[in-house]
């Protein structure tokens, strides 16, 4: 059975070029797997811009909006490597969407 996303959570960030390698390792090895392991997260992906800012975007399909406000999400998003990256990548933006129609 195909599980359809009811909510789309987008996060963008603008890592300085000198942090790009660590940013990619962090997202691939720690952050994405941690958030995808949260109950109610269907899947997640990270993208790098071909042109224009912001350079990085992640999207997560969620079963409901409360997932991104849950204790499990907060714990997954507060791991030590993530806290380090937040200091190095201060320009972040997040938004939660619901499908229309």
C-alpha atoms as a PDB file:
ATOM      1  CA  UNK A   1       0.000   0.000   0.000  1.00  0.00           C
ATOM      2  CA  UNK A   2       1.294   3.436  -0.913  1.00  0.00           C
ATOM      3  CA  UNK A   3       1.433   5.859   2.009  1.00  0.00           C
ATOM      4  CA  UNK A   4       0.799   9.383   0.838  1.00  0.00           C
ATOM      5  CA  UNK A   5       2.242  12.399   2.526  1.00  0.00           C
ATOM      6  CA  UNK A   6      -0.296  14.627   4.181  1.00  0.00           C
ATOM      7  CA  UNK A   7       2.286  17.265   5.082  1.00  0.00           C
ATOM      8  CA  UNK A   8       5.419  18.584   3.395  1.00  0.00           C
ATOM      9  CA  UNK A   9       8.125  20.035   5.636  1.00  0.00           C
ATOM     10  CA  UNK A  10      10.816  22.063   3.845  1.00  0.00           C
ATOM     11  CA  UNK A  11      14.056  23.311   5.321  1.00  0.00           C
ATOM     12  CA  UNK A  12      16.625  25.426   3.526  1.00  0.00           C
ATOM     13  CA  UNK A  13      20.058  26.550   4.616  1.00  0.00           C
ATOM     14  CA  UNK A  14      23.024  28.415   3.261  1.00  0.00           C
ATOM     15  CA  UNK A  15      26.281  26.832   4.413  1.00  0.00           C
ATOM     16  CA  UNK A  16      29.440  28.799   3.741  1.00  0.00           C
ATOM     17  CA  UNK A  17      31.526  27.081   1.039  1.00  0.00           C
ATOM     18  CA  UNK A  18      34.274  26.195   3.531  1.00  0.00           C
ATOM     19  CA  UNK A  19      31.742  24.109   5.519  1.00  0.00           C
ATOM     20  CA  UNK A  20      30.256  22.376   2.485  1.00  0.00           C
ATOM     21  CA  UNK A  21      32.066  19.035   2.915  1.00  0.00           C
ATOM     22  CA  UNK A  22      31.184  18.759   6.599  1.00  0.00           C
ATOM     23  CA  UNK A  23      27.630  19.925   5.903  1.00  0.00           C
ATOM     24  CA  UNK A  24      27.142  17.146   3.343  1.00  0.00           C
ATOM     25  CA  UNK A  25      28.641  14.491   5.638  1.00  0.00           C
ATOM     26  CA  UNK A  26      26.529  15.684   8.573  1.00  0.00           C
ATOM     27  CA  UNK A  27      23.316  15.615   6.564  1.00  0.00           C
ATOM     28  CA  UNK A  28      24.013  12.229   4.934  1.00  0.00           C
ATOM     29  CA  UNK A  29      25.442  10.432   7.979  1.00  0.00           C
ATOM     30  CA  UNK A  30      23.578  11.970  10.919  1.00  0.00           C
ATOM     31  CA  UNK A  31      20.780  14.464  10.370  1.00  0.00           C
ATOM     32  CA  UNK A  32      18.755  12.876   7.569  1.00  0.00           C
ATOM     33  CA  UNK A  33      18.830   9.355   9.084  1.00  0.00           C
ATOM     34  CA  UNK A  34      17.902  10.726  12.529  1.00  0.00           C
ATOM     35  CA  UNK A  35      14.910  12.708  11.249  1.00  0.00           C
ATOM     36  CA  UNK A  36      13.768   9.907   8.937  1.00  0.00           C
ATOM     37  CA  UNK A  37      13.703   7.622  11.983  1.00  0.00           C
ATOM     38  CA  UNK A  38      11.122   9.780  13.752  1.00  0.00           C
ATOM     39  CA  UNK A  39       7.671   8.160  13.929  1.00  0.00           C
ATOM     40  CA  UNK A  40       5.416   9.811  11.356  1.00  0.00           C
ATOM     41  CA  UNK A  41       8.193  10.692   8.899  1.00  0.00           C
ATOM     42  CA  UNK A  42       7.491   8.916   5.620  1.00  0.00           C
ATOM     43  CA  UNK A  43      10.724   9.932   3.892  1.00  0.00           C
ATOM     44  CA  UNK A  44      13.236  12.728   3.516  1.00  0.00           C
ATOM     45  CA  UNK A  45      15.645  13.985   0.855  1.00  0.00           C
ATOM     46  CA  UNK A  46      18.354  16.623   0.598  1.00  0.00           C
ATOM     47  CA  UNK A  47      19.017  18.762  -2.470  1.00  0.00           C
ATOM     48  CA  UNK A  48      21.773  21.146  -3.549  1.00  0.00           C
ATOM     49  CA  UNK A  49      20.858  24.118  -5.739  1.00  0.00           C
ATOM     50  CA  UNK A  50      22.017  24.129  -9.329  1.00  0.00           C
ATOM     51  CA  UNK A  51      21.847  27.924  -9.281  1.00  0.00           C
ATOM     52  CA  UNK A  52      20.794  30.630  -6.860  1.00  0.00           C
ATOM     53  CA  UNK A  53      20.472  30.642  -3.097  1.00  0.00           C
ATOM     54  CA  UNK A  54      19.758  29.015  -0.792  1.00  0.00           C
ATOM     55  CA  UNK A  55      22.221  26.283  -1.712  1.00  0.00           C
ATOM     56  CA  UNK A  56      20.711  23.465   0.362  1.00  0.00           C
ATOM     57  CA  UNK A  57      17.130  22.271   0.743  1.00  0.00           C
ATOM     58  CA  UNK A  58      15.678  19.247   2.494  1.00  0.00           C
ATOM     59  CA  UNK A  59      12.143  17.994   2.248  1.00  0.00           C
ATOM     60  CA  UNK A  60      10.361  15.571   4.539  1.00  0.00           C
ATOM     61  CA  UNK A  61       7.006  13.918   3.945  1.00  0.00           C
ATOM     62  CA  UNK A  62       5.092  13.720   7.226  1.00  0.00           C
ATOM     63  CA  UNK A  63       1.834  12.014   8.163  1.00  0.00           C
ATOM     64  CA  UNK A  64       0.660  15.068  10.154  1.00  0.00           C
ATOM     65  CA  UNK A  65       1.951  18.537  11.138  1.00  0.00           C
ATOM     66  CA  UNK A  66       2.508  17.509  14.759  1.00  0.00           C
ATOM     67  CA  UNK A  67       5.399  15.241  13.720  1.00  0.00           C
ATOM     68  CA  UNK A  68       7.787  18.193  13.253  1.00  0.00           C
ATOM     69  CA  UNK A  69       6.770  19.551  16.668  1.00  0.00           C
ATOM     70  CA  UNK A  70       7.088  16.234  18.512  1.00  0.00           C
ATOM     71  CA  UNK A  71       9.546  15.322  21.226  1.00  0.00           C
ATOM     72  CA  UNK A  72      11.009  12.618  18.976  1.00  0.00           C
ATOM     73  CA  UNK A  73      11.648  15.195  16.203  1.00  0.00           C
ATOM     74  CA  UNK A  74      13.176  17.615  18.694  1.00  0.00           C
ATOM     75  CA  UNK A  75      15.481  14.901  20.039  1.00  0.00           C
ATOM     76  CA  UNK A  76      16.547  13.897  16.513  1.00  0.00           C
ATOM     77  CA  UNK A  77      17.145  17.556  15.606  1.00  0.00           C
ATOM     78  CA  UNK A  78      19.178  18.283  18.744  1.00  0.00           C
ATOM     79  CA  UNK A  79      21.992  15.784  18.381  1.00  0.00           C
ATOM     80  CA  UNK A  80      25.523  17.090  19.077  1.00  0.00           C
ATOM     81  CA  UNK A  81      26.634  17.291  15.439  1.00  0.00           C
ATOM     82  CA  UNK A  82      23.412  19.137  14.560  1.00  0.00           C
ATOM     83  CA  UNK A  83      23.978  21.658  17.333  1.00  0.00           C
ATOM     84  CA  UNK A  84      27.497  22.294  15.973  1.00  0.00           C
ATOM     85  CA  UNK A  85      26.175  22.748  12.435  1.00  0.00           C
ATOM     86  CA  UNK A  86      23.522  25.220  13.611  1.00  0.00           C
ATOM     87  CA  UNK A  87      26.312  27.493  14.831  1.00  0.00           C
ATOM     88  CA  UNK A  88      28.148  27.154  11.512  1.00  0.00           C
ATOM     89  CA  UNK A  89      25.054  27.508   9.321  1.00  0.00           C
ATOM     90  CA  UNK A  90      22.952  30.264  10.907  1.00  0.00           C
ATOM     91  CA  UNK A  91      20.908  31.122   7.804  1.00  0.00           C
ATOM     92  CA  UNK A  92      18.087  28.556   7.967  1.00  0.00           C
ATOM     93  CA  UNK A  93      14.424  28.668   6.944  1.00  0.00           C
ATOM     94  CA  UNK A  94      11.667  26.134   7.606  1.00  0.00           C
ATOM     95  CA  UNK A  95       8.029  25.885   6.535  1.00  0.00           C
ATOM     96  CA  UNK A  96       5.277  23.262   6.764  1.00  0.00           C
ATOM     97  CA  UNK A  97       2.820  22.783   3.866  1.00  0.00           C
ATOM     98  CA  UNK A  98      -0.497  20.979   3.550  1.00  0.00           C
ATOM     99  CA  UNK A  99      -1.716  19.885   0.087  1.00  0.00           C
ATOM    100  CA  UNK A 100      -4.670  21.692  -1.409  1.00  0.00           C
ATOM    101  CA  UNK A 101      -7.366  20.160  -3.559  1.00  0.00           C
END
